Amino acid sequence: MALVSFIDFGNEPAYTVEELRRIYSGDQSNWPAPHLDPEAREGFRDIGKLGKMEYPADNPYSKEKELLGKTLFFDPRLSLSGQIACATCHDPELSWGDGRRVSYGHDRQTGKRNAMTIINTGYYHTFFWDGRSPSLEDQAQFPVQDKVEMAQSLKAMVKNIKAIKGYKPKFKEAFGSDEVTLEKIQKAIATFERSIVSNSSRFDSFVSGNPKAMTDMEIKGLHLFRTKARCINCHNTPLFSDNKFHNDGQALYGSKMEDFGRYHLTGKQEDIGAFKTPSLRETALTGPWMHNGNFPSLKDVIEFYNLGNPSPIQRHVTVDETKRPIPSPLLRKLNLTLEERQQLEAFLGAISTRTQRMAPPELPQ
């Protein structure tokens, strides 16, 4: 593991790209120390290859359960209208998102938050942008009940699936009984979602010892990511997410798009505008970006962080000091040059792979 340091990095040695190529494609213990703030130290793990997906003891993996979950994931009959499936907002041909700022739901309603890709979602500790759900199994029930999304009661959803005779043998194969229950539906969908993981990226190949897997631009971007650009403070671990919540200046206090994020769960002022750190794996494919989908390009995202995440409050708004967003102490101006911003964007491409195509299953009748 690379050393974690809190020293002043002003005198950090300059590296040639050849030196960076040799260092980063070799033993990770020899990597330059990341530029970390004390706030980022707890739970820190450096970036690297993803480990094998782990399945919970009460919902172990089986191929039959994954296939059932896949079928349910693509089945619009889980919704009130019979038109909206999980795959409507998490389309495999759109990198398991929907490419929209925010998604359409029941009766063409739109929500307030961007549909996060489900690629690698099994590596998260909590789910949704605000972390309201503690497991993938628990998460599976929320979109069904949401009046803006699928608008269906859980009881009615289970009844609808029970009425489809073709599902009985699938439940039998997955669970040993053809009884349809909410718990089984949740477990099957969660099992399928855990199967959606990134292919090995050029970054993975590079840090595994292939020095030719990344370009000079990408290697410089990797070094910036861990040092001057300070991305590593939040986007650490092999998932490229610390699984924590931060206010990065997007509460938009006083505007029509105001969203207090995790505060709605905790009621704590420090959680106003705090959202879960998304994984950056596949990020070149999963725009638009941020919880509100307000950033149409990665250039916009990088520039936003480069400017220190300004968090404007509408001038006409009288600020309630108990509701004033408290920006993360990790935020600061980065003073990245245009070339450095381009290098950073190039690196984000190196941790992205091809869009995974998946044919929808034949739905049981």
Protein backbone atom coordinates (compact mmCIF):
# COMPACT_ATOMS: atom_id res chain seq x y z
CA MET A 1 0.00 0.00 0.00
CA ALA A 2 1.29 3.48 -0.84
CA LEU A 3 2.43 5.55 2.10
CA VAL A 4 -0.08 8.09 3.44
CA SER A 5 1.52 11.42 4.20
CA PHE A 6 0.37 14.77 5.56
CA ILE A 7 3.52 16.75 4.90
CA ASP A 8 3.73 19.98 2.93
CA PHE A 9 3.88 18.90 -0.69
CA GLY A 10 5.28 22.18 -1.94
CA ASN A 11 8.73 20.66 -2.32
CA GLU A 12 7.58 17.43 -3.91
CA PRO A 13 10.11 16.17 -6.46
CA ALA A 14 9.31 16.58 -10.14
CA TYR A 15 9.03 13.36 -12.12
CA THR A 16 9.55 12.72 -15.79
CA VAL A 17 6.78 10.76 -17.52
CA GLU A 18 9.23 7.88 -17.93
CA GLU A 19 9.77 7.84 -14.16
CA LEU A 20 6.03 7.96 -13.50
CA ARG A 21 5.46 5.14 -15.96
CA ARG A 22 8.02 2.97 -14.20
CA ILE A 23 6.85 3.85 -10.66
CA TYR A 24 3.09 3.49 -11.14
CA SER A 25 3.27 0.27 -13.14
CA GLY A 26 5.44 -1.29 -10.43
CA ASP A 27 5.18 -2.08 -6.73
CA GLN A 28 2.45 0.10 -5.20
CA SER A 29 4.50 0.59 -2.03
CA ASN A 30 6.86 2.72 -4.14
CA TRP A 31 4.16 5.08 -5.42
CA PRO A 32 4.51 8.75 -4.43
CA ALA A 33 2.59 9.62 -1.29
CA PRO A 34 -0.95 10.87 -2.06
CA HIS A 35 -1.89 14.44 -1.19
CA LEU A 36 -4.32 13.72 1.64
CA ASP A 37 -5.98 16.02 4.14
CA PRO A 38 -6.45 14.74 7.72
CA GLU A 39 -10.21 14.50 7.06
CA ALA A 40 -9.57 11.84 4.40
CA ARG A 41 -7.32 9.63 6.48
CA GLU A 42 -9.95 7.46 8.18
CA GLY A 43 -10.66 4.38 6.10
CA PHE A 44 -8.28 5.46 3.34
CA ARG A 45 -7.18 2.85 0.81
CA ASP A 46 -5.29 3.73 -2.32
CA ILE A 47 -6.68 3.17 -5.81
CA GLY A 48 -5.94 -0.09 -7.58
CA LYS A 49 -7.62 -3.16 -9.06
CA LEU A 50 -11.11 -4.07 -7.86
CA GLY A 51 -11.35 -7.21 -5.78
CA LYS A 52 -13.85 -9.98 -6.33
CA MET A 53 -17.49 -9.15 -5.64
CA GLU A 54 -18.65 -10.37 -2.23
CA TYR A 55 -22.18 -11.63 -1.63
CA PRO A 56 -23.92 -11.43 1.77
CA ALA A 57 -24.28 -14.57 3.84
CA ASP A 58 -28.08 -14.32 3.78
CA ASN A 59 -28.16 -13.92 -0.01
CA PRO A 60 -25.40 -16.08 -1.53
CA TYR A 61 -24.83 -16.11 -5.27
CA SER A 62 -26.43 -18.60 -7.63
CA LYS A 63 -26.73 -18.42 -11.40
CA GLU A 64 -30.47 -19.18 -11.17
CA LYS A 65 -31.00 -16.29 -8.78
CA GLU A 66 -29.02 -13.94 -11.02
CA LEU A 67 -31.14 -14.92 -14.05
CA LEU A 68 -34.36 -14.42 -12.11
CA GLY A 69 -33.11 -11.03 -10.94
CA LYS A 70 -32.24 -10.09 -14.50
CA THR A 71 -35.73 -10.97 -15.68
CA LEU A 72 -37.34 -8.95 -12.89
CA PHE A 73 -34.98 -6.04 -13.57
CA PHE A 74 -36.19 -5.81 -17.18
CA ASP A 75 -39.87 -6.48 -16.43
CA PRO A 76 -42.07 -3.34 -16.61
CA ARG A 77 -44.93 -5.20 -14.93
CA LEU A 78 -43.37 -4.32 -11.59
CA SER A 79 -44.71 -0.79 -12.15
CA LEU A 80 -48.26 0.54 -11.89
CA SER A 81 -48.39 1.51 -15.56
CA GLY A 82 -46.78 -1.70 -16.78
CA GLN A 83 -44.41 0.49 -18.78
CA ILE A 84 -41.47 1.23 -16.45
CA ALA A 85 -38.82 -1.33 -15.53
CA CYS A 86 -35.63 -0.94 -13.51
CA ALA A 87 -33.86 -1.07 -16.89
CA THR A 88 -35.81 1.98 -18.06
CA CYS A 89 -33.52 4.22 -16.01
CA HIS A 90 -30.60 1.78 -15.90
CA ASP A 91 -30.15 0.82 -19.53
CA PRO A 92 -27.17 -1.44 -20.34
CA GLU A 93 -26.69 0.33 -23.67
CA LEU A 94 -26.38 3.65 -21.83
CA SER A 95 -23.76 2.38 -19.37
CA TRP A 96 -26.53 1.30 -16.98
CA GLY A 97 -27.84 4.85 -16.60
CA ASP A 98 -30.21 6.68 -18.91
CA GLY A 99 -28.10 9.55 -20.24
CA ARG A 100 -30.58 12.12 -18.96
CA ARG A 101 -30.10 14.89 -16.42
CA VAL A 102 -32.95 13.37 -14.41
CA SER A 103 -35.16 10.45 -15.38
CA TYR A 104 -38.73 10.23 -16.55
CA GLY A 105 -40.99 8.21 -14.29
CA HIS A 106 -44.70 7.49 -13.84
CA ASP A 107 -46.93 9.76 -15.97
CA ARG A 108 -43.76 11.37 -17.40
CA GLN A 109 -42.92 12.92 -14.06
CA THR A 110 -39.29 13.83 -13.44
CA GLY A 111 -37.39 13.43 -10.21
CA LYS A 112 -34.73 15.71 -8.72
CA ARG A 113 -31.70 13.43 -9.00
CA ASN A 114 -29.68 11.80 -11.73
CA ALA A 115 -30.01 8.04 -12.22
CA MET A 116 -26.66 6.74 -11.00
CA THR A 117 -25.19 3.88 -13.01
CA ILE A 118 -25.48 0.46 -11.37
CA ILE A 119 -22.05 -0.64 -12.62
CA ASN A 120 -20.05 -1.73 -9.55
CA THR A 121 -22.93 -0.80 -7.25
CA GLY A 122 -22.34 -3.97 -5.25
CA TYR A 123 -19.15 -2.40 -3.86
CA TYR A 124 -21.01 0.46 -2.18
CA HIS A 125 -21.77 0.43 1.54
CA THR A 126 -25.00 2.43 1.28
CA PHE A 127 -27.31 3.20 -1.64
CA PHE A 128 -28.91 6.19 -3.35
CA TRP A 129 -27.22 9.58 -3.48
CA ASP A 130 -28.20 10.26 0.13
CA GLY A 131 -27.38 6.79 1.46
CA ARG A 132 -30.89 6.12 2.71
CA SER A 133 -30.66 2.38 2.08
CA PRO A 134 -28.18 0.04 3.84
CA SER A 135 -28.18 -2.80 1.30
CA LEU A 136 -28.92 -3.61 -2.33
CA GLU A 137 -31.73 -5.87 -1.16
CA ASP A 138 -33.34 -3.00 0.74
CA GLN A 139 -32.70 -0.58 -2.13
CA ALA A 140 -34.72 -2.67 -4.57
CA GLN A 141 -38.03 -1.77 -2.93
CA PHE A 142 -37.70 2.02 -3.13
CA PRO A 143 -38.17 2.75 -6.86
CA VAL A 144 -41.25 0.52 -6.99
CA GLN A 145 -43.04 2.52 -4.29
CA ASP A 146 -41.87 5.96 -5.33
CA LYS A 147 -44.83 7.89 -6.78
CA VAL A 148 -42.55 9.67 -9.23
CA GLU A 149 -40.83 6.47 -10.41
CA MET A 150 -42.80 3.20 -10.68
CA ALA A 151 -45.73 4.28 -8.47
CA GLN A 152 -46.66 0.76 -7.40
CA SER A 153 -47.38 -0.59 -3.92
CA LEU A 154 -45.15 -3.48 -2.89
CA LYS A 155 -48.19 -5.62 -2.14
CA ALA A 156 -49.63 -5.04 -5.62
CA MET A 157 -46.26 -5.63 -7.24
CA VAL A 158 -45.89 -9.03 -5.55
CA LYS A 159 -49.48 -9.90 -6.51
CA ASN A 160 -48.76 -9.06 -10.16
CA ILE A 161 -45.65 -11.26 -10.27
CA LYS A 162 -47.53 -14.11 -8.56
CA ALA A 163 -50.20 -13.96 -11.26
CA ILE A 164 -47.62 -14.63 -14.00
CA LYS A 165 -47.41 -18.42 -14.25
CA GLY A 166 -44.11 -18.34 -16.08
CA TYR A 167 -42.35 -16.95 -13.02
CA LYS A 168 -43.12 -19.96 -10.81
CA PRO A 169 -40.44 -22.28 -12.24
CA LYS A 170 -37.90 -19.46 -12.14
CA PHE A 171 -38.52 -18.88 -8.41
CA LYS A 172 -38.38 -22.64 -7.89
CA GLU A 173 -34.96 -22.84 -9.57
CA ALA A 174 -33.61 -19.83 -7.66
CA PHE A 175 -35.01 -20.50 -4.20
CA GLY A 176 -36.18 -24.12 -4.10
CA SER A 177 -39.82 -23.04 -3.86
CA ASP A 178 -42.14 -21.46 -6.41
CA GLU A 179 -43.66 -19.16 -3.78
CA VAL A 180 -43.31 -15.52 -4.82
CA THR A 181 -42.46 -13.14 -1.97
CA LEU A 182 -41.18 -9.59 -1.67
CA GLU A 183 -37.99 -10.82 0.01
CA LYS A 184 -37.21 -13.19 -2.85
CA ILE A 185 -37.81 -10.46 -5.43
CA GLN A 186 -35.47 -8.14 -3.57
CA LYS A 187 -32.77 -10.79 -3.21
CA ALA A 188 -32.94 -11.80 -6.86
CA ILE A 189 -32.69 -8.22 -8.15
CA ALA A 190 -29.79 -7.50 -5.77
CA THR A 191 -27.98 -10.63 -6.94
CA PHE A 192 -28.32 -9.54 -10.55
CA GLU A 193 -27.13 -6.01 -9.77
CA ARG A 194 -24.02 -7.37 -8.04
CA SER A 195 -23.16 -9.14 -11.29
CA ILE A 196 -22.82 -5.81 -13.14
CA VAL A 197 -19.13 -4.99 -12.69
CA SER A 198 -16.50 -3.20 -14.72
CA ASN A 199 -14.34 -5.01 -17.19
CA SER A 200 -10.62 -4.67 -16.58
CA SER A 201 -9.57 -1.16 -17.63
CA ARG A 202 -6.31 0.06 -19.10
CA PHE A 203 -5.52 1.48 -15.66
CA ASP A 204 -5.99 -1.97 -14.13
CA SER A 205 -3.62 -3.46 -16.69
CA PHE A 206 -1.11 -0.69 -16.12
CA VAL A 207 -0.94 -1.01 -12.33
CA SER A 208 -0.76 -4.78 -12.73
CA GLY A 209 2.59 -4.42 -14.44
CA ASN A 210 1.89 -3.52 -18.08
CA PRO A 211 3.77 -0.20 -18.52
CA LYS A 212 2.46 0.26 -22.06
CA ALA A 213 -1.23 0.11 -21.14
CA MET A 214 -1.56 3.87 -20.58
CA THR A 215 -0.48 6.90 -22.60
CA ASP A 216 1.81 9.65 -21.36
CA MET A 217 -1.20 11.98 -20.93
CA GLU A 218 -3.06 9.38 -18.88
CA ILE A 219 -0.06 8.67 -16.66
CA LYS A 220 0.43 12.35 -15.93
CA GLY A 221 -3.30 12.53 -15.15
CA LEU A 222 -2.99 9.59 -12.75
CA HIS A 223 -0.23 11.37 -10.86
CA LEU A 224 -2.25 14.60 -10.76
CA PHE A 225 -5.27 12.64 -9.53
CA ARG A 226 -3.31 11.46 -6.49
CA THR A 227 -1.39 14.70 -5.88
CA LYS A 228 -2.05 18.27 -7.05
CA ALA A 229 -5.65 17.71 -8.20
CA ARG A 230 -6.47 16.10 -4.82
CA CYS A 231 -9.17 13.82 -6.28
CA ILE A 232 -7.76 11.00 -4.12
CA ASN A 233 -9.20 12.63 -0.98
CA CYS A 234 -12.70 11.44 -1.90
CA HIS A 235 -12.17 9.11 -4.84
CA ASN A 236 -9.90 6.58 -3.19
CA THR A 237 -10.04 2.76 -2.79
CA PRO A 238 -10.10 0.48 -5.87
CA LEU A 239 -13.74 1.58 -6.37
CA PHE A 240 -12.57 5.18 -6.75
CA SER A 241 -15.05 6.13 -4.02
CA ASP A 242 -14.52 6.52 -0.28
CA ASN A 243 -18.15 5.46 0.32
CA LYS A 244 -18.60 8.66 2.34
CA PHE A 245 -20.74 11.78 1.99
CA HIS A 246 -19.48 15.28 1.21
CA ASN A 247 -20.95 18.69 0.49
CA ASP A 248 -19.19 19.62 -2.72
CA GLY A 249 -21.08 22.87 -3.23
CA GLN A 250 -24.17 21.57 -5.00
CA ALA A 251 -26.93 22.17 -2.43
CA LEU A 252 -28.03 25.16 -4.60
CA TYR A 253 -29.59 26.88 -1.57
CA GLY A 254 -32.53 29.09 -2.46
CA SER A 255 -32.84 27.99 -6.08
CA LYS A 256 -35.52 25.88 -7.74
CA MET A 257 -33.01 23.01 -7.77
CA GLU A 258 -32.19 23.20 -4.05
CA ASP A 259 -31.41 19.77 -2.64
CA PHE A 260 -30.09 19.26 0.89
CA GLY A 261 -29.09 15.66 0.26
CA ARG A 262 -28.21 13.58 3.30
CA TYR A 263 -29.62 16.25 5.63
CA HIS A 264 -33.12 14.94 4.84
CA LEU A 265 -32.13 11.72 6.63
CA THR A 266 -30.01 13.00 9.51
CA GLY A 267 -31.26 16.53 10.18
CA LYS A 268 -27.64 17.58 10.81
CA GLN A 269 -26.47 20.90 9.42
CA GLU A 270 -23.14 19.39 8.42
CA ASP A 271 -25.05 17.04 6.10
CA ILE A 272 -26.79 19.83 4.16
CA GLY A 273 -25.80 19.32 0.55
CA ALA A 274 -23.85 16.14 1.33
CA PHE A 275 -24.09 13.39 -1.27
CA LYS A 276 -22.39 10.04 -1.65
CA THR A 277 -19.08 9.98 -3.47
CA PRO A 278 -19.80 8.15 -6.73
CA SER A 279 -17.30 5.71 -8.17
CA LEU A 280 -15.26 7.16 -11.01
CA ARG A 281 -14.90 3.83 -12.75
CA GLU A 282 -16.66 4.16 -16.13
CA THR A 283 -17.16 7.87 -15.49
CA ALA A 284 -16.25 8.82 -19.08
CA LEU A 285 -19.38 6.89 -20.15
CA THR A 286 -21.90 7.78 -17.46
CA GLY A 287 -22.76 11.45 -17.97
CA PRO A 288 -24.32 13.81 -17.32
CA TRP A 289 -22.60 14.18 -13.97
CA MET A 290 -23.34 15.12 -10.34
CA HIS A 291 -26.41 14.20 -8.31
CA ASN A 292 -28.50 16.69 -10.28
CA GLY A 293 -27.04 15.89 -13.71
CA ASN A 294 -26.19 19.57 -14.16
CA PHE A 295 -22.76 18.97 -15.67
CA PRO A 296 -22.91 17.92 -19.35
CA SER A 297 -19.20 17.17 -19.77
CA LEU A 298 -16.24 15.99 -17.73
CA LYS A 299 -14.52 19.24 -18.63
CA ASP A 300 -17.25 21.05 -16.69
CA VAL A 301 -16.79 18.79 -13.67
CA ILE A 302 -13.02 19.24 -13.62
CA GLU A 303 -13.31 23.00 -13.99
CA PHE A 304 -15.86 23.16 -11.16
CA TYR A 305 -13.44 21.43 -8.79
CA ASN A 306 -10.53 23.46 -10.13
CA LEU A 307 -12.35 26.63 -9.08
CA GLY A 308 -12.79 25.34 -5.54
CA ASN A 309 -16.46 24.39 -5.83
CA PRO A 310 -18.12 27.78 -5.48
CA SER A 311 -21.43 27.35 -3.67
CA PRO A 312 -23.54 30.39 -4.52
CA ILE A 313 -26.60 31.34 -2.50
CA GLN A 314 -29.29 33.23 -4.39
CA ARG A 315 -29.04 36.95 -3.63
CA HIS A 316 -32.77 37.35 -3.08
CA VAL A 317 -32.84 34.61 -0.44
CA THR A 318 -32.81 35.38 3.27
CA VAL A 319 -30.42 32.81 4.69
CA ASP A 320 -31.50 30.75 7.67
CA GLU A 321 -28.14 30.22 9.37
CA THR A 322 -29.25 26.82 10.67
CA LYS A 323 -29.77 25.78 7.04
CA ARG A 324 -26.64 27.32 5.55
CA PRO A 325 -24.67 24.61 3.72
CA ILE A 326 -21.25 23.94 5.24
CA PRO A 327 -18.83 23.17 2.39
CA SER A 328 -16.46 20.28 2.84
CA PRO A 329 -13.08 21.32 4.25
CA LEU A 330 -11.54 19.25 1.46
CA LEU A 331 -12.54 21.87 -1.12
CA ARG A 332 -10.06 24.45 -2.34
CA LYS A 333 -8.89 26.05 -5.56
CA LEU A 334 -6.55 23.72 -7.42
CA ASN A 335 -4.87 26.09 -9.88
CA LEU A 336 -4.62 23.39 -12.53
CA THR A 337 -3.35 24.55 -15.90
CA LEU A 338 -5.31 23.78 -19.06
CA GLU A 339 -2.81 21.04 -19.91
CA GLU A 340 -3.17 19.51 -16.44
CA ARG A 341 -6.96 19.54 -16.73
CA GLN A 342 -6.67 17.75 -20.06
CA GLN A 343 -4.32 15.18 -18.53
CA LEU A 344 -6.76 14.57 -15.70
CA GLU A 345 -9.62 14.04 -18.15
CA ALA A 346 -7.43 11.64 -20.13
CA PHE A 347 -6.84 9.57 -16.99
CA LEU A 348 -10.58 9.34 -16.34
CA GLY A 349 -10.81 7.74 -19.77
CA ALA A 350 -8.26 5.13 -18.72
CA ILE A 351 -10.50 3.93 -15.86
CA SER A 352 -13.46 3.61 -18.23
CA THR A 353 -14.13 0.59 -20.43
CA ARG A 354 -16.58 -0.30 -23.17
CA THR A 355 -20.33 -0.06 -22.73
CA GLN A 356 -21.56 -3.51 -21.75
CA ARG A 357 -24.37 -4.61 -24.03
CA MET A 358 -26.95 -7.04 -22.75
CA ALA A 359 -29.95 -8.40 -24.58
CA PRO A 360 -33.17 -8.06 -22.54
CA PRO A 361 -34.47 -11.45 -21.37
CA GLU A 362 -37.66 -12.99 -22.70
CA LEU A 363 -40.30 -12.14 -20.14
CA PRO A 364 -42.37 -14.99 -18.69
CA GLN A 365 -46.09 -15.12 -19.43
